[in-house]
Amino acid sequence: METLEFIIYPDGRVQETVTGIVGTSCAEVTAAIEAQLGLVLSHEPTSEFFATEVQQSGLANTQSTYSDW
């Protein structure tokens, strides 16, 4: 589940936390929002940023061996 959380401080700063988005696509999702918010003071990637997305295919390979016992 993709989640964007914003904390707006009394002095106008905004803290954005993104969860559920794997890899660098997080930056693509948040780029337009950050452009509207203004200057980005810091960027702290989470472990999800460095993870790679695993895609499963619907194909399964099976191998059978028969013994001549």
Protein backbone atom coordinates (compact mmCIF):
# COMPACT_ATOMS: atom_id res chain seq x y z
CA MET A 1 0.00 0.00 0.00
CA GLU A 2 1.46 3.34 -1.02
CA THR A 3 1.22 6.07 1.62
CA LEU A 4 2.29 9.73 1.64
CA GLU A 5 2.22 11.42 5.03
CA PHE A 6 2.67 15.16 5.53
CA ILE A 7 3.41 16.96 8.78
CA ILE A 8 3.00 20.73 8.57
CA TYR A 9 4.83 22.62 11.32
CA PRO A 10 3.74 26.01 12.72
CA ASP A 11 6.72 27.72 11.06
CA GLY A 12 5.59 26.47 7.62
CA ARG A 13 8.00 23.58 7.20
CA VAL A 14 6.53 20.40 5.74
CA GLN A 15 7.84 16.93 6.47
CA GLU A 16 6.92 14.34 3.87
CA THR A 17 7.18 10.61 4.55
CA VAL A 18 6.59 8.06 1.80
CA THR A 19 6.07 4.35 2.44
CA GLY A 20 5.16 1.45 0.22
CA ILE A 21 6.98 2.65 -2.89
CA VAL A 22 10.03 0.60 -3.81
CA GLY A 23 13.08 2.05 -5.53
CA THR A 24 13.56 5.39 -7.21
CA SER A 25 9.95 5.64 -8.39
CA CYS A 26 9.33 7.39 -5.05
CA ALA A 27 11.08 10.48 -6.43
CA GLU A 28 8.84 10.42 -9.50
CA VAL A 29 5.71 10.26 -7.35
CA THR A 30 6.73 13.13 -5.08
CA ALA A 31 8.43 15.46 -7.61
CA ALA A 32 5.30 17.47 -8.50
CA ILE A 33 4.30 17.82 -4.86
CA GLU A 34 7.76 18.98 -3.83
CA ALA A 35 7.83 21.49 -6.67
CA GLN A 36 4.63 23.07 -5.34
CA LEU A 37 5.81 23.04 -1.72
CA GLY A 38 9.03 24.93 -2.43
CA LEU A 39 12.64 24.45 -1.35
CA VAL A 40 13.58 20.93 -0.24
CA LEU A 41 15.98 21.22 2.71
CA SER A 42 16.86 17.56 3.11
CA HIS A 43 16.21 14.18 1.58
CA GLU A 44 16.59 11.00 3.66
CA PRO A 45 16.02 7.81 1.65
CA THR A 46 14.59 4.82 3.49
CA SER A 47 15.50 1.17 2.98
CA GLU A 48 12.59 0.92 0.50
CA PHE A 49 14.40 3.44 -1.73
CA PHE A 50 17.39 1.10 -2.05
CA ALA A 51 15.30 -2.05 -2.51
CA THR A 52 14.59 -3.50 -5.91
CA GLU A 53 11.13 -4.52 -7.00
CA VAL A 54 10.69 -8.24 -7.49
CA GLN A 55 8.39 -9.29 -10.28
CA GLN A 56 7.05 -12.79 -10.45
CA SER A 57 6.25 -14.40 -13.74
CA GLY A 58 3.39 -16.80 -14.20
CA LEU A 59 5.69 -19.40 -15.74
CA ALA A 60 7.02 -22.34 -13.79
CA ASN A 61 9.78 -24.62 -14.95
CA THR A 62 9.63 -28.23 -13.87
CA GLN A 63 12.22 -30.88 -14.35
CA SER A 64 11.67 -34.58 -13.87
CA THR A 65 14.33 -37.23 -13.78
CA TYR A 66 13.73 -40.94 -13.98
CA SER A 67 15.93 -43.58 -12.51
CA ASP A 68 16.71 -46.89 -14.22
CA TRP A 69 16.81 -48.77 -10.93
